[in-house]
Amino acid sequence: MKKGSVLQSLSTLKGLVTATHTPMHTDGSLNIGLIGKQVDYLIGSGVNGLFIIGTTGEFPSLTLQERMQATEEYIKVTDHRIPVIVHIGHNCLRESRILARHALESGADAVGFAPPSYFKPANEGALLSCCKEIMADTPELPFFYYHIPEITGVHLSIKSFLTIADMPNLAGIKYTLETMGEFLDCIDLFKDRYTMMFGRDEMMLSALAAGGDTFVGSTYNYAAPLYHRLIDAFKRGDLAAARMEQARATRFIDVQVKYGGVRASKMFMKFLGIDCGPVRLPLSPFTLDKEKQFKQELTALGFFDWYC
């Protein structure tokens, strides 16, 4: 990234940003060779960016070296076609700092950071100090704070954080929470300074009504066309069509949650011909019976008729 280009590469980032899976072989080792096929499929489905090695990418279950290896491959095969945001969250801030330097050197367009979830920042000031610490060596790299308190347990005010955030490279927030009032308030107050990326796929229509225009989600891996239809319907004022697409998403997400979140998300990809492999412990892999059951429920729901 050239000096002086801070945030420029993300200034027009709108629409769908896919939170990617980390492909693995059946023995749990990284399947680096699949990433090119995975990225080509996602770009072909019309997504506008990638958020790699986050929750969907099982980042807590990867070694630092594996995270770096996957980062390098994603950036190489994407080849500047769409922006790549590298998640660098870690319970050890020094490890996050290493990952930030590596992301910059590898050519990442930005980084995202979920806060430590064992020793947690106690307030917005402490969180800001954490963010500054990990970005101390890479002030030219655009930075997104990843707000997902359901998982991290860090229940802080994003409005308060953005009010005090004196980080020139802060690009915005990945907001994965159902609190639409705060999301709307942050857009209203900070829309000229920060990108508010919404991260609850089953509530996209609500986020659109609140003024959201950038969305990060795991279900965009396998149902991006559905969300494109939802956004297009909202933009043309056809709320009935937008509600229909949102209801479809909500129903298949309910089935996904029933069968185990991230592991079910990976199974969708297998059904569509891009086998990203199993999840790693402590997440539990599918049994053959559960896989069959899962597919039967999706078929009965109609998912394979309208996901594309």
C-alpha atoms as a PDB file:
ATOM      1  CA  MET A   1       0.000   0.000   0.000  1.00  0.00           C
ATOM      2  CA  LYS A   2       1.428   3.357  -1.018  1.00  0.00           C
ATOM      3  CA  LYS A   3       2.013   6.025   1.575  1.00  0.00           C
ATOM      4  CA  GLY A   4      -0.914   8.407   1.761  1.00  0.00           C
ATOM      5  CA  SER A   5      -3.493   5.886   0.550  1.00  0.00           C
ATOM      6  CA  VAL A   6      -4.975   5.219   4.002  1.00  0.00           C
ATOM      7  CA  LEU A   7      -8.663   4.241   3.650  1.00  0.00           C
ATOM      8  CA  GLN A   8      -8.799   5.066  -0.071  1.00  0.00           C
ATOM      9  CA  SER A   9      -9.071   1.462  -1.214  1.00  0.00           C
ATOM     10  CA  LEU A  10     -12.176   0.999   0.968  1.00  0.00           C
ATOM     11  CA  SER A  11     -13.919   4.302   0.271  1.00  0.00           C
ATOM     12  CA  THR A  12     -16.364   2.695  -2.161  1.00  0.00           C
ATOM     13  CA  LEU A  13     -16.811  -0.658  -0.384  1.00  0.00           C
ATOM     14  CA  LYS A  14     -20.556  -1.359  -0.403  1.00  0.00           C
ATOM     15  CA  GLY A  15     -22.797  -4.393  -0.643  1.00  0.00           C
ATOM     16  CA  LEU A  16     -21.745  -7.894   0.404  1.00  0.00           C
ATOM     17  CA  VAL A  17     -18.460  -8.719   2.129  1.00  0.00           C
ATOM     18  CA  THR A  18     -18.150 -12.472   2.632  1.00  0.00           C
ATOM     19  CA  ALA A  19     -16.808 -13.850   5.908  1.00  0.00           C
ATOM     20  CA  THR A  20     -14.950 -16.804   4.430  1.00  0.00           C
ATOM     21  CA  HIS A  21     -14.375 -20.331   5.683  1.00  0.00           C
ATOM     22  CA  THR A  22     -10.848 -21.612   6.163  1.00  0.00           C
ATOM     23  CA  PRO A  23     -10.678 -24.741   3.971  1.00  0.00           C
ATOM     24  CA  MET A  24      -9.337 -27.908   5.582  1.00  0.00           C
ATOM     25  CA  HIS A  25      -8.548 -31.449   4.561  1.00  0.00           C
ATOM     26  CA  THR A  26     -10.343 -34.357   6.208  1.00  0.00           C
ATOM     27  CA  ASP A  27      -7.446 -34.704   8.671  1.00  0.00           C
ATOM     28  CA  GLY A  28      -7.893 -31.081   9.803  1.00  0.00           C
ATOM     29  CA  SER A  29      -4.829 -29.658   8.037  1.00  0.00           C
ATOM     30  CA  LEU A  30      -5.190 -26.514   5.923  1.00  0.00           C
ATOM     31  CA  ASN A  31      -6.410 -27.073   2.369  1.00  0.00           C
ATOM     32  CA  ILE A  32      -4.607 -24.106   0.849  1.00  0.00           C
ATOM     33  CA  GLY A  33      -5.134 -25.452  -2.657  1.00  0.00           C
ATOM     34  CA  LEU A  34      -8.914 -24.922  -2.444  1.00  0.00           C
ATOM     35  CA  ILE A  35      -8.735 -21.188  -1.682  1.00  0.00           C
ATOM     36  CA  GLY A  36      -8.388 -20.187  -5.338  1.00  0.00           C
ATOM     37  CA  LYS A  37     -11.553 -22.088  -6.323  1.00  0.00           C
ATOM     38  CA  GLN A  38     -13.347 -20.697  -3.287  1.00  0.00           C
ATOM     39  CA  VAL A  39     -12.425 -17.086  -4.104  1.00  0.00           C
ATOM     40  CA  ASP A  40     -13.321 -17.452  -7.803  1.00  0.00           C
ATOM     41  CA  TYR A  41     -16.746 -18.788  -6.806  1.00  0.00           C
ATOM     42  CA  LEU A  42     -17.361 -15.911  -4.393  1.00  0.00           C
ATOM     43  CA  ILE A  43     -16.302 -13.242  -6.862  1.00  0.00           C
ATOM     44  CA  GLY A  44     -18.478 -14.918  -9.487  1.00  0.00           C
ATOM     45  CA  SER A  45     -21.447 -14.660  -7.113  1.00  0.00           C
ATOM     46  CA  GLY A  46     -20.995 -10.882  -7.015  1.00  0.00           C
ATOM     47  CA  VAL A  47     -19.623 -10.248  -3.541  1.00  0.00           C
ATOM     48  CA  ASN A  48     -17.658  -7.032  -3.125  1.00  0.00           C
ATOM     49  CA  GLY A  49     -15.057  -8.005  -0.526  1.00  0.00           C
ATOM     50  CA  LEU A  50     -13.676 -10.767   1.681  1.00  0.00           C
ATOM     51  CA  PHE A  51     -13.328 -10.817   5.463  1.00  0.00           C
ATOM     52  CA  ILE A  52     -10.930 -13.695   6.085  1.00  0.00           C
ATOM     53  CA  ILE A  53      -9.933 -15.726   9.162  1.00  0.00           C
ATOM     54  CA  GLY A  54     -12.691 -14.399  11.389  1.00  0.00           C
ATOM     55  CA  THR A  55     -15.342 -16.325  13.295  1.00  0.00           C
ATOM     56  CA  THR A  56     -16.492 -18.203  10.188  1.00  0.00           C
ATOM     57  CA  GLY A  57     -12.818 -18.867   9.413  1.00  0.00           C
ATOM     58  CA  GLU A  58     -12.288 -20.533  12.845  1.00  0.00           C
ATOM     59  CA  PHE A  59      -9.489 -18.144  13.780  1.00  0.00           C
ATOM     60  CA  PRO A  60      -9.184 -19.303  17.429  1.00  0.00           C
ATOM     61  CA  SER A  61      -8.459 -22.837  16.194  1.00  0.00           C
ATOM     62  CA  LEU A  62      -5.618 -21.831  13.847  1.00  0.00           C
ATOM     63  CA  THR A  63      -1.964 -21.395  14.706  1.00  0.00           C
ATOM     64  CA  LEU A  64      -0.295 -18.078  13.984  1.00  0.00           C
ATOM     65  CA  GLN A  65       1.620 -19.693  11.119  1.00  0.00           C
ATOM     66  CA  GLU A  66      -1.571 -21.139   9.627  1.00  0.00           C
ATOM     67  CA  ARG A  67      -3.260 -17.748   9.786  1.00  0.00           C
ATOM     68  CA  MET A  68      -0.333 -16.182   7.962  1.00  0.00           C
ATOM     69  CA  GLN A  69      -0.241 -18.941   5.363  1.00  0.00           C
ATOM     70  CA  ALA A  70      -3.969 -18.614   4.640  1.00  0.00           C
ATOM     71  CA  THR A  71      -3.692 -14.813   4.518  1.00  0.00           C
ATOM     72  CA  GLU A  72      -0.952 -14.957   1.900  1.00  0.00           C
ATOM     73  CA  GLU A  73      -2.928 -17.355  -0.279  1.00  0.00           C
ATOM     74  CA  TYR A  74      -6.199 -15.422  -0.084  1.00  0.00           C
ATOM     75  CA  ILE A  75      -4.479 -12.177  -1.063  1.00  0.00           C
ATOM     76  CA  LYS A  76      -2.515 -13.859  -3.868  1.00  0.00           C
ATOM     77  CA  VAL A  77      -5.483 -15.576  -5.524  1.00  0.00           C
ATOM     78  CA  THR A  78      -7.826 -12.601  -5.065  1.00  0.00           C
ATOM     79  CA  ASP A  79      -5.243 -10.556  -6.989  1.00  0.00           C
ATOM     80  CA  HIS A  80      -6.760  -7.138  -6.216  1.00  0.00           C
ATOM     81  CA  ARG A  81     -10.099  -8.039  -7.813  1.00  0.00           C
ATOM     82  CA  ILE A  82     -11.958  -7.162  -4.590  1.00  0.00           C
ATOM     83  CA  PRO A  83     -10.691  -5.923  -1.197  1.00  0.00           C
ATOM     84  CA  VAL A  84      -9.418  -8.430   1.366  1.00  0.00           C
ATOM     85  CA  ILE A  85      -9.847  -7.597   5.057  1.00  0.00           C
ATOM     86  CA  VAL A  86      -7.705  -9.814   7.312  1.00  0.00           C
ATOM     87  CA  HIS A  87      -8.931 -10.535  10.814  1.00  0.00           C
ATOM     88  CA  ILE A  88      -6.071 -10.226  13.335  1.00  0.00           C
ATOM     89  CA  GLY A  89      -7.891 -10.671  16.656  1.00  0.00           C
ATOM     90  CA  HIS A  90      -6.061 -12.638  19.352  1.00  0.00           C
ATOM     91  CA  ASN A  91      -6.081 -12.879  23.135  1.00  0.00           C
ATOM     92  CA  CYS A  92      -2.427 -11.769  23.026  1.00  0.00           C
ATOM     93  CA  LEU A  93      -2.112  -8.240  21.635  1.00  0.00           C
ATOM     94  CA  ARG A  94       1.507  -8.841  20.657  1.00  0.00           C
ATOM     95  CA  GLU A  95       0.391 -11.666  18.404  1.00  0.00           C
ATOM     96  CA  SER A  96      -2.225  -9.348  16.866  1.00  0.00           C
ATOM     97  CA  ARG A  97       0.530  -6.814  16.238  1.00  0.00           C
ATOM     98  CA  ILE A  98       2.558  -9.465  14.409  1.00  0.00           C
ATOM     99  CA  LEU A  99      -0.494 -10.377  12.328  1.00  0.00           C
ATOM    100  CA  ALA A 100      -1.087  -6.713  11.465  1.00  0.00           C
ATOM    101  CA  ARG A 101       2.477  -6.339  10.185  1.00  0.00           C
ATOM    102  CA  HIS A 102       2.150  -9.546   8.203  1.00  0.00           C
ATOM    103  CA  ALA A 103      -1.171  -8.428   6.687  1.00  0.00           C
ATOM    104  CA  LEU A 104       0.392  -5.162   5.538  1.00  0.00           C
ATOM    105  CA  GLU A 105       3.436  -6.906   4.063  1.00  0.00           C
ATOM    106  CA  SER A 106       1.173  -9.429   2.302  1.00  0.00           C
ATOM    107  CA  GLY A 107      -0.859  -6.707   0.606  1.00  0.00           C
ATOM    108  CA  ALA A 108      -4.074  -6.725   2.646  1.00  0.00           C
ATOM    109  CA  ASP A 109      -6.497  -3.879   2.009  1.00  0.00           C
ATOM    110  CA  ALA A 110      -7.453  -3.645   5.695  1.00  0.00           C
ATOM    111  CA  VAL A 111      -7.525  -5.555   8.970  1.00  0.00           C
ATOM    112  CA  GLY A 112     -10.283  -6.355  11.435  1.00  0.00           C
ATOM    113  CA  PHE A 113      -9.872  -6.920  15.148  1.00  0.00           C
ATOM    114  CA  ALA A 114     -12.126  -8.740  17.610  1.00  0.00           C
ATOM    115  CA  PRO A 115     -11.008  -7.856  21.152  1.00  0.00           C
ATOM    116  CA  PRO A 116      -9.440 -10.233  23.669  1.00  0.00           C
ATOM    117  CA  SER A 117     -12.144 -12.390  25.232  1.00  0.00           C
ATOM    118  CA  TYR A 118     -10.307 -13.782  28.286  1.00  0.00           C
ATOM    119  CA  PHE A 119      -8.856 -10.645  29.864  1.00  0.00           C
ATOM    120  CA  LYS A 120     -11.335  -8.144  28.441  1.00  0.00           C
ATOM    121  CA  PRO A 121     -10.971  -4.368  28.011  1.00  0.00           C
ATOM    122  CA  ALA A 122     -13.016  -2.852  30.830  1.00  0.00           C
ATOM    123  CA  ASN A 123     -14.184   0.295  29.039  1.00  0.00           C
ATOM    124  CA  GLU A 124     -14.034   2.121  25.730  1.00  0.00           C
ATOM    125  CA  GLY A 125     -10.767   3.843  26.655  1.00  0.00           C
ATOM    126  CA  ALA A 126      -9.093   0.512  27.355  1.00  0.00           C
ATOM    127  CA  LEU A 127     -10.427  -0.867  24.076  1.00  0.00           C
ATOM    128  CA  LEU A 128      -9.004   2.106  22.198  1.00  0.00           C
ATOM    129  CA  SER A 129      -5.636   1.521  23.862  1.00  0.00           C
ATOM    130  CA  CYS A 130      -5.733  -2.106  22.667  1.00  0.00           C
ATOM    131  CA  CYS A 131      -6.476  -1.001  19.111  1.00  0.00           C
ATOM    132  CA  LYS A 132      -3.653   1.530  19.121  1.00  0.00           C
ATOM    133  CA  GLU A 133      -1.242  -1.026  20.557  1.00  0.00           C
ATOM    134  CA  ILE A 134      -1.779  -3.606  17.826  1.00  0.00           C
ATOM    135  CA  MET A 135      -1.632  -1.004  15.030  1.00  0.00           C
ATOM    136  CA  ALA A 136       1.456   0.828  16.317  1.00  0.00           C
ATOM    137  CA  ASP A 137       3.676  -0.602  13.551  1.00  0.00           C
ATOM    138  CA  THR A 138       1.105  -0.284  10.762  1.00  0.00           C
ATOM    139  CA  PRO A 139      -0.547   3.162  10.971  1.00  0.00           C
ATOM    140  CA  GLU A 140      -1.091   3.195   7.196  1.00  0.00           C
ATOM    141  CA  LEU A 141      -3.306   0.097   7.221  1.00  0.00           C
ATOM    142  CA  PRO A 142      -7.101   0.655   7.417  1.00  0.00           C
ATOM    143  CA  PHE A 143      -8.562  -0.851  10.578  1.00  0.00           C
ATOM    144  CA  PHE A 144     -12.029  -2.162  11.475  1.00  0.00           C
ATOM    145  CA  TYR A 145     -13.094  -2.933  15.025  1.00  0.00           C
ATOM    146  CA  TYR A 146     -15.085  -6.184  15.089  1.00  0.00           C
ATOM    147  CA  HIS A 147     -17.975  -5.814  17.546  1.00  0.00           C
ATOM    148  CA  ILE A 148     -19.438  -9.247  18.361  1.00  0.00           C
ATOM    149  CA  PRO A 149     -20.195  -9.180  22.112  1.00  0.00           C
ATOM    150  CA  GLU A 150     -22.251 -12.400  22.017  1.00  0.00           C
ATOM    151  CA  ILE A 151     -18.965 -14.256  21.485  1.00  0.00           C
ATOM    152  CA  THR A 152     -16.289 -11.980  22.977  1.00  0.00           C
ATOM    153  CA  GLY A 153     -18.252 -10.871  26.031  1.00  0.00           C
ATOM    154  CA  VAL A 154     -17.018  -7.300  25.421  1.00  0.00           C
ATOM    155  CA  HIS A 155     -20.257  -5.331  25.820  1.00  0.00           C
ATOM    156  CA  LEU A 156     -19.115  -1.764  25.216  1.00  0.00           C
ATOM    157  CA  SER A 157     -20.772   1.217  23.528  1.00  0.00           C
ATOM    158  CA  ILE A 158     -19.711   1.587  19.902  1.00  0.00           C
ATOM    159  CA  LYS A 159     -21.100   5.105  19.877  1.00  0.00           C
ATOM    160  CA  SER A 160     -18.841   6.001  22.827  1.00  0.00           C
ATOM    161  CA  PHE A 161     -15.880   4.224  21.240  1.00  0.00           C
ATOM    162  CA  LEU A 162     -16.230   6.124  17.962  1.00  0.00           C
ATOM    163  CA  THR A 163     -16.655   9.393  19.856  1.00  0.00           C
ATOM    164  CA  ILE A 164     -13.227   9.056  21.502  1.00  0.00           C
ATOM    165  CA  ALA A 165     -11.430   7.135  18.734  1.00  0.00           C
ATOM    166  CA  ASP A 166      -8.463   9.254  17.660  1.00  0.00           C
ATOM    167  CA  MET A 167      -7.048   6.700  15.217  1.00  0.00           C
ATOM    168  CA  PRO A 168      -6.432   8.174  11.742  1.00  0.00           C
ATOM    169  CA  ASN A 169      -6.570   4.692  10.177  1.00  0.00           C
ATOM    170  CA  LEU A 170      -9.848   3.643  11.826  1.00  0.00           C
ATOM    171  CA  ALA A 171     -12.050   2.767   8.841  1.00  0.00           C
ATOM    172  CA  GLY A 172     -15.131   1.650  10.725  1.00  0.00           C
ATOM    173  CA  ILE A 173     -16.937  -1.098  12.593  1.00  0.00           C
ATOM    174  CA  LYS A 174     -17.977  -4.640  11.802  1.00  0.00           C
ATOM    175  CA  TYR A 175     -21.192  -4.521  13.809  1.00  0.00           C
ATOM    176  CA  THR A 176     -22.496  -8.003  14.667  1.00  0.00           C
ATOM    177  CA  LEU A 177     -25.286  -7.258  17.107  1.00  0.00           C
ATOM    178  CA  GLU A 178     -29.058  -6.864  17.027  1.00  0.00           C
ATOM    179  CA  THR A 179     -29.107  -3.395  18.622  1.00  0.00           C
ATOM    180  CA  MET A 180     -30.482  -1.491  15.658  1.00  0.00           C
ATOM    181  CA  GLY A 181     -30.903   1.740  17.622  1.00  0.00           C
ATOM    182  CA  GLU A 182     -27.172   2.040  18.222  1.00  0.00           C
ATOM    183  CA  PHE A 183     -26.361   0.962  14.676  1.00  0.00           C
ATOM    184  CA  LEU A 184     -28.659   3.656  13.256  1.00  0.00           C
ATOM    185  CA  ASP A 185     -27.274   6.254  15.675  1.00  0.00           C
ATOM    186  CA  CYS A 186     -23.686   5.492  14.640  1.00  0.00           C
ATOM    187  CA  ILE A 187     -24.571   5.803  10.953  1.00  0.00           C
ATOM    188  CA  ASP A 188     -26.317   9.109  11.602  1.00  0.00           C
ATOM    189  CA  LEU A 189     -23.452  10.548  13.642  1.00  0.00           C
ATOM    190  CA  PHE A 190     -20.411   9.108  11.870  1.00  0.00           C
ATOM    191  CA  LYS A 191     -21.424   8.261   8.283  1.00  0.00           C
ATOM    192  CA  ASP A 192     -18.964  10.787   6.848  1.00  0.00           C
ATOM    193  CA  ARG A 193     -16.038   9.285   8.780  1.00  0.00           C
ATOM    194  CA  TYR A 194     -16.613   5.559   9.265  1.00  0.00           C
ATOM    195  CA  THR A 195     -18.083   2.564   7.439  1.00  0.00           C
ATOM    196  CA  MET A 196     -20.609   0.676   9.550  1.00  0.00           C
ATOM    197  CA  MET A 197     -20.545  -2.901   8.233  1.00  0.00           C
ATOM    198  CA  PHE A 198     -23.543  -4.864   9.502  1.00  0.00           C
ATOM    199  CA  GLY A 199     -22.991  -8.475  10.482  1.00  0.00           C
ATOM    200  CA  ARG A 200     -26.361 -10.119  11.151  1.00  0.00           C
ATOM    201  CA  ASP A 201     -27.481 -11.680   7.861  1.00  0.00           C
ATOM    202  CA  GLU A 202     -30.961 -12.489   9.181  1.00  0.00           C
ATOM    203  CA  MET A 203     -31.525  -8.761   9.890  1.00  0.00           C
ATOM    204  CA  MET A 204     -30.231  -7.209   6.664  1.00  0.00           C
ATOM    205  CA  LEU A 205     -33.592  -5.606   5.854  1.00  0.00           C
ATOM    206  CA  SER A 206     -33.621  -3.830   9.223  1.00  0.00           C
ATOM    207  CA  ALA A 207     -30.070  -2.612   8.630  1.00  0.00           C
ATOM    208  CA  LEU A 208     -31.012  -1.298   5.184  1.00  0.00           C
ATOM    209  CA  ALA A 209     -33.880   0.644   6.732  1.00  0.00           C
ATOM    210  CA  ALA A 210     -31.415   2.080   9.265  1.00  0.00           C
ATOM    211  CA  GLY A 211     -29.197   3.351   6.462  1.00  0.00           C
ATOM    212  CA  GLY A 212     -26.729   0.469   6.220  1.00  0.00           C
ATOM    213  CA  ASP A 213     -25.132  -0.252   2.856  1.00  0.00           C
ATOM    214  CA  THR A 214     -22.232  -2.603   3.680  1.00  0.00           C
ATOM    215  CA  PHE A 215     -22.799  -6.109   5.033  1.00  0.00           C
ATOM    216  CA  VAL A 216     -20.436  -8.787   6.321  1.00  0.00           C
ATOM    217  CA  GLY A 217     -21.735 -12.325   6.669  1.00  0.00           C
ATOM    218  CA  SER A 218     -21.051 -16.032   6.427  1.00  0.00           C
ATOM    219  CA  THR A 219     -24.202 -16.902   4.503  1.00  0.00           C
ATOM    220  CA  TYR A 220     -22.983 -14.791   1.570  1.00  0.00           C
ATOM    221  CA  ASN A 221     -20.649 -17.733   0.884  1.00  0.00           C
ATOM    222  CA  TYR A 222     -23.540 -19.764  -0.502  1.00  0.00           C
ATOM    223  CA  ALA A 223     -26.557 -17.470  -0.879  1.00  0.00           C
ATOM    224  CA  ALA A 224     -25.200 -14.164  -2.186  1.00  0.00           C
ATOM    225  CA  PRO A 225     -27.759 -13.941  -5.038  1.00  0.00           C
ATOM    226  CA  LEU A 226     -30.610 -14.043  -2.519  1.00  0.00           C
ATOM    227  CA  TYR A 227     -29.167 -11.024  -0.692  1.00  0.00           C
ATOM    228  CA  HIS A 228     -28.532  -9.184  -3.948  1.00  0.00           C
ATOM    229  CA  ARG A 229     -32.234  -9.617  -4.716  1.00  0.00           C
ATOM    230  CA  LEU A 230     -33.121  -8.388  -1.235  1.00  0.00           C
ATOM    231  CA  ILE A 231     -30.995  -5.241  -1.593  1.00  0.00           C
ATOM    232  CA  ASP A 232     -32.262  -4.547  -5.108  1.00  0.00           C
ATOM    233  CA  ALA A 233     -35.890  -4.923  -3.988  1.00  0.00           C
ATOM    234  CA  PHE A 234     -35.345  -2.517  -1.097  1.00  0.00           C
ATOM    235  CA  LYS A 235     -33.698   0.052  -3.356  1.00  0.00           C
ATOM    236  CA  ARG A 236     -36.583   0.026  -5.818  1.00  0.00           C
ATOM    237  CA  GLY A 237     -39.115   0.298  -2.975  1.00  0.00           C
ATOM    238  CA  ASP A 238     -40.543  -3.216  -3.328  1.00  0.00           C
ATOM    239  CA  LEU A 239     -40.751  -4.045   0.370  1.00  0.00           C
ATOM    240  CA  ALA A 240     -42.888  -7.136  -0.197  1.00  0.00           C
ATOM    241  CA  ALA A 241     -40.156  -8.715  -2.331  1.00  0.00           C
ATOM    242  CA  ALA A 242     -37.475  -7.609   0.126  1.00  0.00           C
ATOM    243  CA  ARG A 243     -39.396  -9.146   3.037  1.00  0.00           C
ATOM    244  CA  MET A 244     -39.844 -12.388   1.095  1.00  0.00           C
ATOM    245  CA  GLU A 245     -36.091 -12.736   0.514  1.00  0.00           C
ATOM    246  CA  GLN A 246     -35.328 -11.824   4.122  1.00  0.00           C
ATOM    247  CA  ALA A 247     -37.828 -14.415   5.360  1.00  0.00           C
ATOM    248  CA  ARG A 248     -36.170 -17.070   3.211  1.00  0.00           C
ATOM    249  CA  ALA A 249     -32.786 -16.159   4.669  1.00  0.00           C
ATOM    250  CA  THR A 250     -34.142 -16.250   8.206  1.00  0.00           C
ATOM    251  CA  ARG A 251     -35.587 -19.722   7.655  1.00  0.00           C
ATOM    252  CA  PHE A 252     -32.447 -21.325   6.283  1.00  0.00           C
ATOM    253  CA  ILE A 253     -30.331 -19.590   8.931  1.00  0.00           C
ATOM    254  CA  ASP A 254     -32.600 -21.118  11.586  1.00  0.00           C
ATOM    255  CA  VAL A 255     -31.819 -24.545  10.112  1.00  0.00           C
ATOM    256  CA  GLN A 256     -28.104 -23.711  10.004  1.00  0.00           C
ATOM    257  CA  VAL A 257     -28.104 -22.690  13.673  1.00  0.00           C
ATOM    258  CA  LYS A 258     -29.968 -25.871  14.578  1.00  0.00           C
ATOM    259  CA  TYR A 259     -27.184 -27.944  13.020  1.00  0.00           C
ATOM    260  CA  GLY A 260     -24.289 -26.022  14.490  1.00  0.00           C
ATOM    261  CA  GLY A 261     -23.400 -22.620  13.049  1.00  0.00           C
ATOM    262  CA  VAL A 262     -19.912 -22.733  11.541  1.00  0.00           C
ATOM    263  CA  ARG A 263     -19.887 -26.475  10.864  1.00  0.00           C
ATOM    264  CA  ALA A 264     -23.263 -26.222   9.117  1.00  0.00           C
ATOM    265  CA  SER A 265     -21.996 -23.225   7.142  1.00  0.00           C
ATOM    266  CA  LYS A 266     -19.120 -25.332   5.830  1.00  0.00           C
ATOM    267  CA  MET A 267     -21.557 -28.099   4.949  1.00  0.00           C
ATOM    268  CA  PHE A 268     -23.516 -25.710   2.717  1.00  0.00           C
ATOM    269  CA  MET A 269     -20.340 -25.263   0.671  1.00  0.00           C
ATOM    270  CA  LYS A 270     -19.955 -29.020   0.294  1.00  0.00           C
ATOM    271  CA  PHE A 271     -23.529 -29.265  -0.991  1.00  0.00           C
ATOM    272  CA  LEU A 272     -22.713 -26.591  -3.599  1.00  0.00           C
ATOM    273  CA  GLY A 273     -19.567 -28.375  -4.799  1.00  0.00           C
ATOM    274  CA  ILE A 274     -16.846 -26.507  -2.889  1.00  0.00           C
ATOM    275  CA  ASP A 275     -15.917 -28.793  -0.010  1.00  0.00           C
ATOM    276  CA  CYS A 276     -14.183 -26.650   2.627  1.00  0.00           C
ATOM    277  CA  GLY A 277     -13.744 -29.712   4.811  1.00  0.00           C
ATOM    278  CA  PRO A 278     -14.557 -30.318   8.455  1.00  0.00           C
ATOM    279  CA  VAL A 279     -14.355 -27.976  11.408  1.00  0.00           C
ATOM    280  CA  ARG A 280     -11.680 -28.346  14.066  1.00  0.00           C
ATOM    281  CA  LEU A 281     -12.222 -29.260  17.672  1.00  0.00           C
ATOM    282  CA  PRO A 282     -13.652 -27.964  19.963  1.00  0.00           C
ATOM    283  CA  LEU A 283     -16.316 -27.672  17.232  1.00  0.00           C
ATOM    284  CA  SER A 284     -17.745 -31.085  16.385  1.00  0.00           C
ATOM    285  CA  PRO A 285     -17.772 -32.449  12.817  1.00  0.00           C
ATOM    286  CA  PHE A 286     -20.913 -33.766  11.150  1.00  0.00           C
ATOM    287  CA  THR A 287     -21.778 -37.442  11.248  1.00  0.00           C
ATOM    288  CA  LEU A 288     -23.014 -38.901   7.952  1.00  0.00           C
ATOM    289  CA  ASP A 289     -26.526 -39.245   9.405  1.00  0.00           C
ATOM    290  CA  LYS A 290     -26.597 -35.596  10.497  1.00  0.00           C
ATOM    291  CA  GLU A 291     -25.293 -34.468   7.110  1.00  0.00           C
ATOM    292  CA  LYS A 292     -28.096 -36.352   5.370  1.00  0.00           C
ATOM    293  CA  GLN A 293     -30.666 -34.982   7.799  1.00  0.00           C
ATOM    294  CA  PHE A 294     -29.414 -31.428   7.309  1.00  0.00           C
ATOM    295  CA  LYS A 295     -29.654 -31.660   3.529  1.00  0.00           C
ATOM    296  CA  GLN A 296     -33.142 -33.143   3.739  1.00  0.00           C
ATOM    297  CA  GLU A 297     -34.345 -30.232   5.886  1.00  0.00           C
ATOM    298  CA  LEU A 298     -32.859 -27.678   3.487  1.00  0.00           C
ATOM    299  CA  THR A 299     -34.487 -29.454   0.534  1.00  0.00           C
ATOM    300  CA  ALA A 300     -37.873 -29.511   2.270  1.00  0.00           C
ATOM    301  CA  LEU A 301     -37.476 -25.814   3.040  1.00  0.00           C
ATOM    302  CA  GLY A 302     -36.852 -25.051  -0.641  1.00  0.00           C
ATOM    303  CA  PHE A 303     -33.331 -23.698  -0.143  1.00  0.00           C
ATOM    304  CA  PHE A 304     -31.881 -25.322  -3.259  1.00  0.00           C
ATOM    305  CA  ASP A 305     -34.655 -23.780  -5.368  1.00  0.00           C
ATOM    306  CA  TRP A 306     -34.019 -20.156  -4.382  1.00  0.00           C
ATOM    307  CA  TYR A 307     -30.512 -19.723  -2.925  1.00  0.00           C
ATOM    308  CA  CYS A 308     -29.085 -18.827  -6.372  1.00  0.00           C
END
